[in-house]
Amino acid sequence: MGIALESPEDENQVSYRALVQGTSEGIAGSGAHIYVLVNPVEAGNSWWVQPEATIGPDGVWETSAYFGRDPAQYPEDVGKEFRIIAIATSEVLEEGEYATVPDNVCCSDKPVIVKRR
């Protein structure tokens, strides 16, 4: 079982809501779920679980992720950095804030860091 983040790439700029895509091996049809976790760099270890990714039969997956808050109400989030990882797990995760990355997951190699535009 393996998972990789393909887009966005390290140092890319992203909107408030952006498409996150990747590839996986051994996950499609296995009953496992793929989630993207977003960590505001300045917030420490707090990770935000995004909506569950859609996985194609070829292992390609995608989901829409949030990077910060609505810019109409929180313009101060523009320019902030966010870490992104992708995980695969047999558990169904609720969207929202987690103090740490959940246990017993297959994780993408290293976090990608993006900047909010």
PDB file of N, CA and C in Angstrom:
ATOM      1  N   MET A   1       0.859  -1.176   0.000  1.00  0.00           N
ATOM      2  CA  MET A   1       0.000   0.000   0.000  1.00  0.00           C
ATOM      3  C   MET A   1       0.899   1.231   0.000  1.00  0.00           C
ATOM      4  N   GLY A   2       0.602   2.187  -0.871  1.00  0.00           N
ATOM      5  CA  GLY A   2       1.387   3.410  -0.928  1.00  0.00           C
ATOM      6  C   GLY A   2       0.542   4.576  -1.400  1.00  0.00           C
ATOM      7  N   ILE A   3       0.970   5.776  -1.036  1.00  0.00           N
ATOM      8  CA  ILE A   3       0.221   6.980  -1.400  1.00  0.00           C
ATOM      9  C   ILE A   3       1.212   8.122  -1.656  1.00  0.00           C
ATOM     10  N   ALA A   4       0.915   8.934  -2.662  1.00  0.00           N
ATOM     11  CA  ALA A   4       1.775  10.071  -2.999  1.00  0.00           C
ATOM     12  C   ALA A   4       0.928  11.288  -3.334  1.00  0.00           C
ATOM     13  N   LEU A   5       1.431  12.455  -2.968  1.00  0.00           N
ATOM     14  CA  LEU A   5       0.829  13.743  -3.315  1.00  0.00           C
ATOM     15  C   LEU A   5       1.469  14.224  -4.612  1.00  0.00           C
ATOM     16  N   GLU A   6       0.663  14.584  -5.596  1.00  0.00           N
ATOM     17  CA  GLU A   6       1.188  15.056  -6.881  1.00  0.00           C
ATOM     18  C   GLU A   6       0.967  16.554  -7.088  1.00  0.00           C
ATOM     19  N   SER A   7      -0.162  17.067  -6.613  1.00  0.00           N
ATOM     20  CA  SER A   7      -0.504  18.467  -6.854  1.00  0.00           C
ATOM     21  C   SER A   7      -1.377  18.981  -5.708  1.00  0.00           C
ATOM     22  N   PRO A   8      -1.089  20.158  -5.176  1.00  0.00           N
ATOM     23  CA  PRO A   8      -0.077  21.114  -5.591  1.00  0.00           C
ATOM     24  C   PRO A   8       1.314  20.650  -5.175  1.00  0.00           C
ATOM     25  N   GLU A   9       2.320  21.268  -5.785  1.00  0.00           N
ATOM     26  CA  GLU A   9       3.704  20.945  -5.481  1.00  0.00           C
ATOM     27  C   GLU A   9       4.245  21.908  -4.429  1.00  0.00           C
ATOM     28  N   ASP A  10       5.375  21.519  -3.844  1.00  0.00           N
ATOM     29  CA  ASP A  10       6.048  22.348  -2.845  1.00  0.00           C
ATOM     30  C   ASP A  10       6.227  23.779  -3.366  1.00  0.00           C
ATOM     31  N   GLU A  11       5.924  24.745  -2.513  1.00  0.00           N
ATOM     32  CA  GLU A  11       6.085  26.173  -2.769  1.00  0.00           C
ATOM     33  C   GLU A  11       5.073  26.754  -3.752  1.00  0.00           C
ATOM     34  N   ASN A  12       4.077  25.965  -4.178  1.00  0.00           N
ATOM     35  CA  ASN A  12       3.006  26.520  -5.011  1.00  0.00           C
ATOM     36  C   ASN A  12       2.158  27.474  -4.183  1.00  0.00           C
ATOM     37  N   GLN A  13       1.450  28.353  -4.876  1.00  0.00           N
ATOM     38  CA  GLN A  13       0.455  29.199  -4.229  1.00  0.00           C
ATOM     39  C   GLN A  13      -0.913  28.578  -4.468  1.00  0.00           C
ATOM     40  N   VAL A  14      -1.771  28.634  -3.449  1.00  0.00           N
ATOM     41  CA  VAL A  14      -3.103  28.039  -3.544  1.00  0.00           C
ATOM     42  C   VAL A  14      -4.163  29.051  -3.128  1.00  0.00           C
ATOM     43  N   SER A  15      -5.364  28.839  -3.613  1.00  0.00           N
ATOM     44  CA  SER A  15      -6.514  29.637  -3.209  1.00  0.00           C
ATOM     45  C   SER A  15      -7.049  29.135  -1.875  1.00  0.00           C
ATOM     46  N   TYR A  16      -8.067  29.802  -1.378  1.00  0.00           N
ATOM     47  CA  TYR A  16      -8.754  29.399  -0.143  1.00  0.00           C
ATOM     48  C   TYR A  16      -9.211  27.949  -0.239  1.00  0.00           C
ATOM     49  N   ARG A  17      -9.711  27.559  -1.396  1.00  0.00           N
ATOM     50  CA  ARG A  17     -10.114  26.173  -1.639  1.00  0.00           C
ATOM     51  C   ARG A  17      -9.424  25.726  -2.923  1.00  0.00           C
ATOM     52  N   ALA A  18      -8.740  24.584  -2.865  1.00  0.00           N
ATOM     53  CA  ALA A  18      -7.973  24.131  -4.027  1.00  0.00           C
ATOM     54  C   ALA A  18      -8.059  22.617  -4.164  1.00  0.00           C
ATOM     55  N   LEU A  19      -7.905  22.151  -5.396  1.00  0.00           N
ATOM     56  CA  LEU A  19      -7.912  20.728  -5.696  1.00  0.00           C
ATOM     57  C   LEU A  19      -6.558  20.136  -5.316  1.00  0.00           C
ATOM     58  N   VAL A  20      -6.595  19.016  -4.580  1.00  0.00           N
ATOM     59  CA  VAL A  20      -5.388  18.287  -4.211  1.00  0.00           C
ATOM     60  C   VAL A  20      -5.494  16.916  -4.867  1.00  0.00           C
ATOM     61  N   GLN A  21      -4.428  16.493  -5.554  1.00  0.00           N
ATOM     62  CA  GLN A  21      -4.452  15.245  -6.308  1.00  0.00           C
ATOM     63  C   GLN A  21      -3.216  14.413  -6.012  1.00  0.00           C
ATOM     64  N   GLY A  22      -3.363  13.099  -6.236  1.00  0.00           N
ATOM     65  CA  GLY A  22      -2.229  12.218  -6.026  1.00  0.00           C
ATOM     66  C   GLY A  22      -2.470  10.850  -6.622  1.00  0.00           C
ATOM     67  N   THR A  23      -1.556   9.945  -6.304  1.00  0.00           N
ATOM     68  CA  THR A  23      -1.641   8.570  -6.779  1.00  0.00           C
ATOM     69  C   THR A  23      -1.531   7.630  -5.585  1.00  0.00           C
ATOM     70  N   SER A  24      -1.998   6.403  -5.800  1.00  0.00           N
ATOM     71  CA  SER A  24      -1.915   5.406  -4.740  1.00  0.00           C
ATOM     72  C   SER A  24      -1.745   4.024  -5.353  1.00  0.00           C
ATOM     73  N   GLU A  25      -1.225   3.106  -4.557  1.00  0.00           N
ATOM     74  CA  GLU A  25      -1.084   1.712  -4.966  1.00  0.00           C
ATOM     75  C   GLU A  25      -1.700   0.828  -3.895  1.00  0.00           C
ATOM     76  N   GLY A  26      -2.531  -0.117  -4.311  1.00  0.00           N
ATOM     77  CA  GLY A  26      -3.098  -1.076  -3.384  1.00  0.00           C
ATOM     78  C   GLY A  26      -4.222  -0.542  -2.530  1.00  0.00           C
ATOM     79  N   ILE A  27      -4.741   0.633  -2.851  1.00  0.00           N
ATOM     80  CA  ILE A  27      -5.788   1.235  -2.025  1.00  0.00           C
ATOM     81  C   ILE A  27      -7.156   1.127  -2.698  1.00  0.00           C
ATOM     82  N   ALA A  28      -7.233   1.396  -4.011  1.00  0.00           N
ATOM     83  CA  ALA A  28      -8.509   1.313  -4.737  1.00  0.00           C
ATOM     84  C   ALA A  28      -9.083  -0.096  -4.564  1.00  0.00           C
ATOM     85  N   GLY A  29     -10.332  -0.169  -4.111  1.00  0.00           N
ATOM     86  CA  GLY A  29     -11.007  -1.445  -3.942  1.00  0.00           C
ATOM     87  C   GLY A  29     -10.655  -2.186  -2.665  1.00  0.00           C
ATOM     88  N   SER A  30      -9.782  -1.617  -1.825  1.00  0.00           N
ATOM     89  CA  SER A  30      -9.350  -2.294  -0.600  1.00  0.00           C
ATOM     90  C   SER A  30     -10.224  -1.983   0.607  1.00  0.00           C
ATOM     91  N   GLY A  31     -11.100  -0.984   0.468  1.00  0.00           N
ATOM     92  CA  GLY A  31     -11.890  -0.545   1.614  1.00  0.00           C
ATOM     93  C   GLY A  31     -11.214   0.574   2.396  1.00  0.00           C
ATOM     94  N   ALA A  32      -9.973   0.924   2.028  1.00  0.00           N
ATOM     95  CA  ALA A  32      -9.273   2.021   2.703  1.00  0.00           C
ATOM     96  C   ALA A  32      -9.788   3.366   2.177  1.00  0.00           C
ATOM     97  N   HIS A  33      -9.580   4.381   2.970  1.00  0.00           N
ATOM     98  CA  HIS A  33     -10.016   5.741   2.647  1.00  0.00           C
ATOM     99  C   HIS A  33      -8.786   6.632   2.551  1.00  0.00           C
ATOM    100  N   ILE A  34      -8.826   7.590   1.634  1.00  0.00           N
ATOM    101  CA  ILE A  34      -7.740   8.564   1.511  1.00  0.00           C
ATOM    102  C   ILE A  34      -8.257   9.927   1.955  1.00  0.00           C
ATOM    103  N   TYR A  35      -7.450  10.569   2.795  1.00  0.00           N
ATOM    104  CA  TYR A  35      -7.760  11.913   3.270  1.00  0.00           C
ATOM    105  C   TYR A  35      -6.530  12.796   3.096  1.00  0.00           C
ATOM    106  N   VAL A  36      -6.779  14.066   2.847  1.00  0.00           N
ATOM    107  CA  VAL A  36      -5.730  15.079   2.858  1.00  0.00           C
ATOM    108  C   VAL A  36      -5.838  15.790   4.191  1.00  0.00           C
ATOM    109  N   LEU A  37      -4.688  16.000   4.832  1.00  0.00           N
ATOM    110  CA  LEU A  37      -4.632  16.749   6.079  1.00  0.00           C
ATOM    111  C   LEU A  37      -3.860  18.027   5.830  1.00  0.00           C
ATOM    112  N   VAL A  38      -4.382  19.143   6.324  1.00  0.00           N
ATOM    113  CA  VAL A  38      -3.767  20.463   6.137  1.00  0.00           C
ATOM    114  C   VAL A  38      -3.395  21.003   7.510  1.00  0.00           C
ATOM    115  N   ASN A  39      -2.151  21.499   7.611  1.00  0.00           N
ATOM    116  CA  ASN A  39      -1.641  22.050   8.860  1.00  0.00           C
ATOM    117  C   ASN A  39      -1.184  23.487   8.625  1.00  0.00           C
ATOM    118  N   PRO A  40      -1.860  24.476   9.268  1.00  0.00           N
ATOM    119  CA  PRO A  40      -1.334  25.842   9.192  1.00  0.00           C
ATOM    120  C   PRO A  40       0.022  25.859   9.896  1.00  0.00           C
ATOM    121  N   VAL A  41       1.097  26.217   9.192  1.00  0.00           N
ATOM    122  CA  VAL A  41       2.453  26.121   9.724  1.00  0.00           C
ATOM    123  C   VAL A  41       2.579  26.831  11.068  1.00  0.00           C
ATOM    124  N   GLU A  42       1.979  27.999  11.191  1.00  0.00           N
ATOM    125  CA  GLU A  42       2.122  28.755  12.439  1.00  0.00           C
ATOM    126  C   GLU A  42       1.304  28.176  13.591  1.00  0.00           C
ATOM    127  N   ALA A  43       0.449  27.169  13.321  1.00  0.00           N
ATOM    128  CA  ALA A  43      -0.417  26.609  14.361  1.00  0.00           C
ATOM    129  C   ALA A  43       0.195  25.409  15.082  1.00  0.00           C
ATOM    130  N   GLY A  44       1.413  25.027  14.734  1.00  0.00           N
ATOM    131  CA  GLY A  44       2.031  23.888  15.416  1.00  0.00           C
ATOM    132  C   GLY A  44       1.565  22.564  14.836  1.00  0.00           C
ATOM    133  N   ASN A  45       1.140  21.640  15.704  1.00  0.00           N
ATOM    134  CA  ASN A  45       0.805  20.279  15.270  1.00  0.00           C
ATOM    135  C   ASN A  45      -0.655  20.051  14.925  1.00  0.00           C
ATOM    136  N   SER A  46      -1.459  21.066  14.897  1.00  0.00           N
ATOM    137  CA  SER A  46      -2.888  20.922  14.613  1.00  0.00           C
ATOM    138  C   SER A  46      -3.115  20.626  13.129  1.00  0.00           C
ATOM    139  N   TRP A  47      -3.786  19.505  12.823  1.00  0.00           N
ATOM    140  CA  TRP A  47      -4.064  19.092  11.438  1.00  0.00           C
ATOM    141  C   TRP A  47      -5.554  19.126  11.176  1.00  0.00           C
ATOM    142  N   TRP A  48      -5.943  19.586   9.992  1.00  0.00           N
ATOM    143  CA  TRP A  48      -7.345  19.657   9.595  1.00  0.00           C
ATOM    144  C   TRP A  48      -7.631  18.594   8.531  1.00  0.00           C
ATOM    145  N   VAL A  49      -8.509  17.664   8.871  1.00  0.00           N
ATOM    146  CA  VAL A  49      -8.904  16.610   7.937  1.00  0.00           C
ATOM    147  C   VAL A  49      -9.886  17.195   6.933  1.00  0.00           C
ATOM    148  N   GLN A  50      -9.592  16.988   5.657  1.00  0.00           N
ATOM    149  CA  GLN A  50     -10.400  17.500   4.555  1.00  0.00           C
ATOM    150  C   GLN A  50     -11.407  16.425   4.101  1.00  0.00           C
ATOM    151  N   PRO A  51     -12.330  16.762   3.199  1.00  0.00           N
ATOM    152  CA  PRO A  51     -13.287  15.760   2.718  1.00  0.00           C
ATOM    153  C   PRO A  51     -12.564  14.545   2.120  1.00  0.00           C
ATOM    154  N   GLU A  52     -13.159  13.375   2.294  1.00  0.00           N
ATOM    155  CA  GLU A  52     -12.559  12.144   1.778  1.00  0.00           C
ATOM    156  C   GLU A  52     -12.311  12.250   0.277  1.00  0.00           C
ATOM    157  N   ALA A  53     -11.165  11.757  -0.156  1.00  0.00           N
ATOM    158  CA  ALA A  53     -10.795  11.799  -1.572  1.00  0.00           C
ATOM    159  C   ALA A  53     -11.571  10.752  -2.364  1.00  0.00           C
ATOM    160  N   THR A  54     -11.778  11.050  -3.623  1.00  0.00           N
ATOM    161  CA  THR A  54     -12.348  10.100  -4.574  1.00  0.00           C
ATOM    162  C   THR A  54     -11.183   9.353  -5.209  1.00  0.00           C
ATOM    163  N   ILE A  55     -11.262   8.014  -5.218  1.00  0.00           N
ATOM    164  CA  ILE A  55     -10.175   7.192  -5.750  1.00  0.00           C
ATOM    165  C   ILE A  55     -10.651   6.481  -7.004  1.00  0.00           C
ATOM    166  N   GLY A  56      -9.914   6.652  -8.108  1.00  0.00           N
ATOM    167  CA  GLY A  56     -10.229   5.958  -9.351  1.00  0.00           C
ATOM    168  C   GLY A  56      -9.676   4.540  -9.331  1.00  0.00           C
ATOM    169  N   PRO A  57     -10.151   3.679 -10.236  1.00  0.00           N
ATOM    170  CA  PRO A  57      -9.673   2.292 -10.282  1.00  0.00           C
ATOM    171  C   PRO A  57      -8.170   2.191 -10.559  1.00  0.00           C
ATOM    172  N   ASP A  58      -7.591   3.242 -11.140  1.00  0.00           N
ATOM    173  CA  ASP A  58      -6.149   3.251 -11.419  1.00  0.00           C
ATOM    174  C   ASP A  58      -5.330   3.779 -10.237  1.00  0.00           C
ATOM    175  N   GLY A  59      -6.009   4.107  -9.123  1.00  0.00           N
ATOM    176  CA  GLY A  59      -5.327   4.598  -7.933  1.00  0.00           C
ATOM    177  C   GLY A  59      -5.155   6.092  -7.864  1.00  0.00           C
ATOM    178  N   VAL A  60      -5.525   6.803  -8.938  1.00  0.00           N
ATOM    179  CA  VAL A  60      -5.444   8.270  -8.929  1.00  0.00           C
ATOM    180  C   VAL A  60      -6.586   8.797  -8.039  1.00  0.00           C
ATOM    181  N   TRP A  61      -6.260   9.756  -7.189  1.00  0.00           N
ATOM    182  CA  TRP A  61      -7.257  10.290  -6.256  1.00  0.00           C
ATOM    183  C   TRP A  61      -7.245  11.821  -6.278  1.00  0.00           C
ATOM    184  N   GLU A  62      -8.364  12.400  -5.779  1.00  0.00           N
ATOM    185  CA  GLU A  62      -8.447  13.853  -5.670  1.00  0.00           C
ATOM    186  C   GLU A  62      -9.502  14.251  -4.654  1.00  0.00           C
ATOM    187  N   THR A  63      -9.308  15.431  -4.100  1.00  0.00           N
ATOM    188  CA  THR A  63     -10.278  16.035  -3.202  1.00  0.00           C
ATOM    189  C   THR A  63     -10.073  17.543  -3.216  1.00  0.00           C
ATOM    190  N   SER A  64     -11.055  18.258  -2.765  1.00  0.00           N
ATOM    191  CA  SER A  64     -10.956  19.702  -2.627  1.00  0.00           C
ATOM    192  C   SER A  64     -10.630  20.007  -1.165  1.00  0.00           C
ATOM    193  N   ALA A  65      -9.597  20.813  -0.945  1.00  0.00           N
ATOM    194  CA  ALA A  65      -9.154  21.115   0.415  1.00  0.00           C
ATOM    195  C   ALA A  65      -9.249  22.612   0.693  1.00  0.00           C
ATOM    196  N   TYR A  66      -9.407  22.926   1.970  1.00  0.00           N
ATOM    197  CA  TYR A  66      -9.459  24.314   2.421  1.00  0.00           C
ATOM    198  C   TYR A  66      -8.098  24.705   2.985  1.00  0.00           C
ATOM    199  N   PHE A  67      -7.650  25.908   2.625  1.00  0.00           N
ATOM    200  CA  PHE A  67      -6.396  26.448   3.122  1.00  0.00           C
ATOM    201  C   PHE A  67      -6.704  27.756   3.836  1.00  0.00           C
ATOM    202  N   GLY A  68      -6.924  27.652   5.130  1.00  0.00           N
ATOM    203  CA  GLY A  68      -7.299  28.811   5.925  1.00  0.00           C
ATOM    204  C   GLY A  68      -8.798  29.035   5.896  1.00  0.00           C
ATOM    205  N   ARG A  69      -9.146  30.268   6.138  1.00  0.00           N
ATOM    206  CA  ARG A  69     -10.553  30.637   6.263  1.00  0.00           C
ATOM    207  C   ARG A  69     -10.997  31.520   5.101  1.00  0.00           C
ATOM    208  N   ASP A  70     -12.287  31.739   5.025  1.00  0.00           N
ATOM    209  CA  ASP A  70     -12.895  32.531   3.961  1.00  0.00           C
ATOM    210  C   ASP A  70     -12.202  33.900   3.881  1.00  0.00           C
ATOM    211  N   PRO A  71     -11.626  34.219   2.713  1.00  0.00           N
ATOM    212  CA  PRO A  71     -10.884  35.478   2.591  1.00  0.00           C
ATOM    213  C   PRO A  71     -11.750  36.730   2.747  1.00  0.00           C
ATOM    214  N   ALA A  72     -13.045  36.611   2.509  1.00  0.00           N
ATOM    215  CA  ALA A  72     -13.922  37.770   2.683  1.00  0.00           C
ATOM    216  C   ALA A  72     -13.995  38.170   4.161  1.00  0.00           C
ATOM    217  N   GLN A  73     -13.876  37.187   5.059  1.00  0.00           N
ATOM    218  CA  GLN A  73     -13.952  37.463   6.492  1.00  0.00           C
ATOM    219  C   GLN A  73     -12.581  37.485   7.172  1.00  0.00           C
ATOM    220  N   TYR A  74     -11.609  36.769   6.597  1.00  0.00           N
ATOM    221  CA  TYR A  74     -10.291  36.636   7.222  1.00  0.00           C
ATOM    222  C   TYR A  74      -9.172  36.909   6.214  1.00  0.00           C
ATOM    223  N   PRO A  75      -9.029  38.147   5.772  1.00  0.00           N
ATOM    224  CA  PRO A  75      -7.983  38.461   4.787  1.00  0.00           C
ATOM    225  C   PRO A  75      -6.582  38.204   5.338  1.00  0.00           C
ATOM    226  N   GLU A  76      -6.436  38.103   6.654  1.00  0.00           N
ATOM    227  CA  GLU A  76      -5.114  37.880   7.249  1.00  0.00           C
ATOM    228  C   GLU A  76      -4.547  36.485   6.942  1.00  0.00           C
ATOM    229  N   ASP A  77      -5.365  35.571   6.425  1.00  0.00           N
ATOM    230  CA  ASP A  77      -4.863  34.233   6.063  1.00  0.00           C
ATOM    231  C   ASP A  77      -4.078  34.241   4.748  1.00  0.00           C
ATOM    232  N   VAL A  78      -4.247  35.291   3.943  1.00  0.00           N
ATOM    233  CA  VAL A  78      -3.500  35.405   2.690  1.00  0.00           C
ATOM    234  C   VAL A  78      -2.011  35.547   3.017  1.00  0.00           C
ATOM    235  N   GLY A  79      -1.180  34.762   2.332  1.00  0.00           N
ATOM    236  CA  GLY A  79       0.259  34.799   2.542  1.00  0.00           C
ATOM    237  C   GLY A  79       0.765  33.795   3.559  1.00  0.00           C
ATOM    238  N   LYS A  80      -0.135  33.118   4.261  1.00  0.00           N
ATOM    239  CA  LYS A  80       0.288  32.132   5.261  1.00  0.00           C
ATOM    240  C   LYS A  80       0.653  30.812   4.593  1.00  0.00           C
ATOM    241  N   GLU A  81       1.524  30.052   5.270  1.00  0.00           N
ATOM    242  CA  GLU A  81       1.963  28.763   4.752  1.00  0.00           C
ATOM    243  C   GLU A  81       1.189  27.618   5.392  1.00  0.00           C
ATOM    244  N   PHE A  82       0.978  26.560   4.588  1.00  0.00           N
ATOM    245  CA  PHE A  82       0.253  25.373   5.031  1.00  0.00           C
ATOM    246  C   PHE A  82       1.010  24.129   4.604  1.00  0.00           C
ATOM    247  N   ARG A  83       1.106  23.146   5.505  1.00  0.00           N
ATOM    248  CA  ARG A  83       1.651  21.829   5.171  1.00  0.00           C
ATOM    249  C   ARG A  83       0.497  20.958   4.709  1.00  0.00           C
ATOM    250  N   ILE A  84       0.772  20.074   3.744  1.00  0.00           N
ATOM    251  CA  ILE A  84      -0.240  19.124   3.258  1.00  0.00           C
ATOM    252  C   ILE A  84       0.372  17.730   3.285  1.00  0.00           C
ATOM    253  N   ILE A  85      -0.387  16.765   3.815  1.00  0.00           N
ATOM    254  CA  ILE A  85      -0.030  15.360   3.675  1.00  0.00           C
ATOM    255  C   ILE A  85      -1.271  14.606   3.217  1.00  0.00           C
ATOM    256  N   ALA A  86      -1.062  13.442   2.660  1.00  0.00           N
ATOM    257  CA  ALA A  86      -2.167  12.547   2.307  1.00  0.00           C
ATOM    258  C   ALA A  86      -1.992  11.276   3.115  1.00  0.00           C
ATOM    259  N   ILE A  87      -3.105  10.746   3.624  1.00  0.00           N
ATOM    260  CA  ILE A  87      -3.047   9.502   4.384  1.00  0.00           C
ATOM    261  C   ILE A  87      -4.079   8.518   3.841  1.00  0.00           C
ATOM    262  N   ALA A  88      -3.799   7.243   4.042  1.00  0.00           N
ATOM    263  CA  ALA A  88      -4.759   6.184   3.748  1.00  0.00           C
ATOM    264  C   ALA A  88      -4.994   5.437   5.050  1.00  0.00           C
ATOM    265  N   THR A  89      -6.249   5.166   5.354  1.00  0.00           N
ATOM    266  CA  THR A  89      -6.610   4.507   6.599  1.00  0.00           C
ATOM    267  C   THR A  89      -7.853   3.656   6.397  1.00  0.00           C
ATOM    268  N   SER A  90      -8.007   2.642   7.228  1.00  0.00           N
ATOM    269  CA  SER A  90      -9.216   1.820   7.177  1.00  0.00           C
ATOM    270  C   SER A  90     -10.356   2.492   7.938  1.00  0.00           C
ATOM    271  N   GLU A  91     -10.032   3.520   8.715  1.00  0.00           N
ATOM    272  CA  GLU A  91     -11.037   4.227   9.508  1.00  0.00           C
ATOM    273  C   GLU A  91     -11.692   5.347   8.697  1.00  0.00           C
ATOM    274  N   VAL A  92     -12.951   5.617   9.028  1.00  0.00           N
ATOM    275  CA  VAL A  92     -13.646   6.772   8.465  1.00  0.00           C
ATOM    276  C   VAL A  92     -13.369   7.940   9.409  1.00  0.00           C
ATOM    277  N   LEU A  93     -12.799   9.010   8.890  1.00  0.00           N
ATOM    278  CA  LEU A  93     -12.465  10.177   9.700  1.00  0.00           C
ATOM    279  C   LEU A  93     -13.492  11.276   9.488  1.00  0.00           C
ATOM    280  N   GLU A  94     -13.748  11.994  10.543  1.00  0.00           N
ATOM    281  CA  GLU A  94     -14.623  13.161  10.466  1.00  0.00           C
ATOM    282  C   GLU A  94     -13.804  14.348   9.989  1.00  0.00           C
ATOM    283  N   GLU A  95     -14.399  15.197   9.155  1.00  0.00           N
ATOM    284  CA  GLU A  95     -13.726  16.426   8.762  1.00  0.00           C
ATOM    285  C   GLU A  95     -13.570  17.299   9.995  1.00  0.00           C
ATOM    286  N   GLY A  96     -12.456  18.006  10.080  1.00  0.00           N
ATOM    287  CA  GLY A  96     -12.245  18.918  11.198  1.00  0.00           C
ATOM    288  C   GLY A  96     -10.855  18.798  11.766  1.00  0.00           C
ATOM    289  N   GLU A  97     -10.666  19.402  12.943  1.00  0.00           N
ATOM    290  CA  GLU A  97      -9.343  19.532  13.545  1.00  0.00           C
ATOM    291  C   GLU A  97      -8.966  18.313  14.377  1.00  0.00           C
ATOM    292  N   TYR A  98      -7.721  17.856  14.180  1.00  0.00           N
ATOM    293  CA  TYR A  98      -7.134  16.767  14.960  1.00  0.00           C
ATOM    294  C   TYR A  98      -5.847  17.300  15.581  1.00  0.00           C
ATOM    295  N   ALA A  99      -5.568  16.926  16.814  1.00  0.00           N
ATOM    296  CA  ALA A  99      -4.374  17.412  17.496  1.00  0.00           C
ATOM    297  C   ALA A  99      -3.100  16.841  16.873  1.00  0.00           C
ATOM    298  N   THR A 100      -3.173  15.635  16.321  1.00  0.00           N
ATOM    299  CA  THR A 100      -2.026  15.000  15.676  1.00  0.00           C
ATOM    300  C   THR A 100      -2.524  14.191  14.485  1.00  0.00           C
ATOM    301  N   VAL A 101      -1.601  13.714  13.676  1.00  0.00           N
ATOM    302  CA  VAL A 101      -1.963  12.818  12.575  1.00  0.00           C
ATOM    303  C   VAL A 101      -2.473  11.523  13.193  1.00  0.00           C
ATOM    304  N   PRO A 102      -3.625  11.006  12.741  1.00  0.00           N
ATOM    305  CA  PRO A 102      -4.156   9.763  13.317  1.00  0.00           C
ATOM    306  C   PRO A 102      -3.156   8.610  13.220  1.00  0.00           C
ATOM    307  N   ASP A 103      -3.258   7.664  14.155  1.00  0.00           N
ATOM    308  CA  ASP A 103      -2.395   6.483  14.173  1.00  0.00           C
ATOM    309  C   ASP A 103      -2.819   5.484  13.105  1.00  0.00           C
ATOM    310  N   ASN A 104      -1.949   4.517  12.845  1.00  0.00           N
ATOM    311  CA  ASN A 104      -2.234   3.395  11.944  1.00  0.00           C
ATOM    312  C   ASN A 104      -2.649   3.835  10.548  1.00  0.00           C
ATOM    313  N   VAL A 105      -1.880   4.731   9.968  1.00  0.00           N
ATOM    314  CA  VAL A 105      -2.173   5.211   8.621  1.00  0.00           C
ATOM    315  C   VAL A 105      -0.959   5.011   7.724  1.00  0.00           C
ATOM    316  N   CYS A 106      -1.212   4.936   6.438  1.00  0.00           N
ATOM    317  CA  CYS A 106      -0.163   4.983   5.428  1.00  0.00           C
ATOM    318  C   CYS A 106      -0.091   6.450   5.015  1.00  0.00           C
ATOM    319  N   CYS A 107       1.091   7.027   5.043  1.00  0.00           N
ATOM    320  CA  CYS A 107       1.225   8.470   4.838  1.00  0.00           C
ATOM    321  C   CYS A 107       2.116   8.777   3.645  1.00  0.00           C
ATOM    322  N   SER A 108       1.820   9.872   2.942  1.00  0.00           N
ATOM    323  CA  SER A 108       2.694  10.325   1.856  1.00  0.00           C
ATOM    324  C   SER A 108       4.076  10.630   2.422  1.00  0.00           C
ATOM    325  N   ASP A 109       5.093  10.573   1.569  1.00  0.00           N
ATOM    326  CA  ASP A 109       6.486  10.642   2.004  1.00  0.00           C
ATOM    327  C   ASP A 109       6.835  11.842   2.884  1.00  0.00           C
ATOM    328  N   LYS A 110       6.571  13.027   2.400  1.00  0.00           N
ATOM    329  CA  LYS A 110       6.908  14.220   3.173  1.00  0.00           C
ATOM    330  C   LYS A 110       5.857  15.276   2.922  1.00  0.00           C
ATOM    331  N   PRO A 111       5.687  16.178   3.878  1.00  0.00           N
ATOM    332  CA  PRO A 111       4.689  17.233   3.678  1.00  0.00           C
ATOM    333  C   PRO A 111       5.074  18.155   2.520  1.00  0.00           C
ATOM    334  N   VAL A 112       4.069  18.624   1.822  1.00  0.00           N
ATOM    335  CA  VAL A 112       4.231  19.665   0.815  1.00  0.00           C
ATOM    336  C   VAL A 112       3.862  20.967   1.505  1.00  0.00           C
ATOM    337  N   ILE A 113       4.639  22.010   1.288  1.00  0.00           N
ATOM    338  CA  ILE A 113       4.316  23.314   1.889  1.00  0.00           C
ATOM    339  C   ILE A 113       3.903  24.279   0.787  1.00  0.00           C
ATOM    340  N   VAL A 114       2.711  24.853   0.964  1.00  0.00           N
ATOM    341  CA  VAL A 114       2.162  25.802  -0.003  1.00  0.00           C
ATOM    342  C   VAL A 114       1.873  27.120   0.696  1.00  0.00           C
ATOM    343  N   LYS A 115       1.686  28.159  -0.120  1.00  0.00           N
ATOM    344  CA  LYS A 115       1.379  29.487   0.420  1.00  0.00           C
ATOM    345  C   LYS A 115       0.026  29.923  -0.112  1.00  0.00           C
ATOM    346  N   ARG A 116      -0.779  30.492   0.758  1.00  0.00           N
ATOM    347  CA  ARG A 116      -2.113  30.970   0.404  1.00  0.00           C
ATOM    348  C   ARG A 116      -2.024  32.290  -0.347  1.00  0.00           C
ATOM    349  N   ARG A 117      -2.727  32.358  -1.482  1.00  0.00           N
ATOM    350  CA  ARG A 117      -2.751  33.630  -2.215  1.00  0.00           C
ATOM    351  C   ARG A 117      -4.048  34.358  -1.974  1.00  0.00           C
TER     352      ARG A 117
END
